Amino acid sequence: KPMKINFKARQLIRSALKGYLSTEFDSKNFKNIRIQMYGPFSYSTFTLAAFDYDLSPILLLSDLSEHTKNIKEKNSASLMLCEERKLYKFFPKFDNKFSSYEDPMSRPRITLIGKLKKTINLNDRKRFISRHPASNLYANFKDMNFYKMDIKSAHLIGGFAQVKWFTRNEILC
């Protein structure tokens, strides 16, 4: 019996340790930053991630960072997670008869879309630090806070011919 794509997507999420966080950067909210763009634009950064039981991402962010300032203005965000360890059981290798090179574009990735909110839940903190023990060094700094994403939807690109948009109820456990 073939595995459901929803299950495969959740396995991909749970296996991720890091991702790419995108927030909306509006240059008019940052008067001390001189940039040539006007109006809002997508701003991405690299971040560590952990996940709650239901799959909600937990992030540790500094108040000094641009993306945290963006979240305070507008808390919509996306988090793209890529396959870190080959999950061939869930996403088989594309058979390229012409080369042994495995095209990274043939491997799975998923983008979680939702709202980020600060969390003071001790379980969120414990889950993040247990996943990323080195973060315990700076997690107590005054400018550091944990954030949790309330997932609204997700988009999986699981390699060739495995693309799906998920509703909140389809992706969360």
Foldseek 3Di string as FASTA:
>chain_A
DDDDVLVLVLVQLQQFFKWKKKFKQAVVVPVPDDDPDHGIDIDIDIFTWFADQQGWIKGKDFLPDRRVVRLVVPFKMKIKTFRPDDPCVSQNFDDDPPDPDGDSQQAKMKMFIFGKDFDPDVVSVVRSCVSPVVCVVPCPPPRITMITGQTQKMWMDHGPPDTDIGGSVSNTD
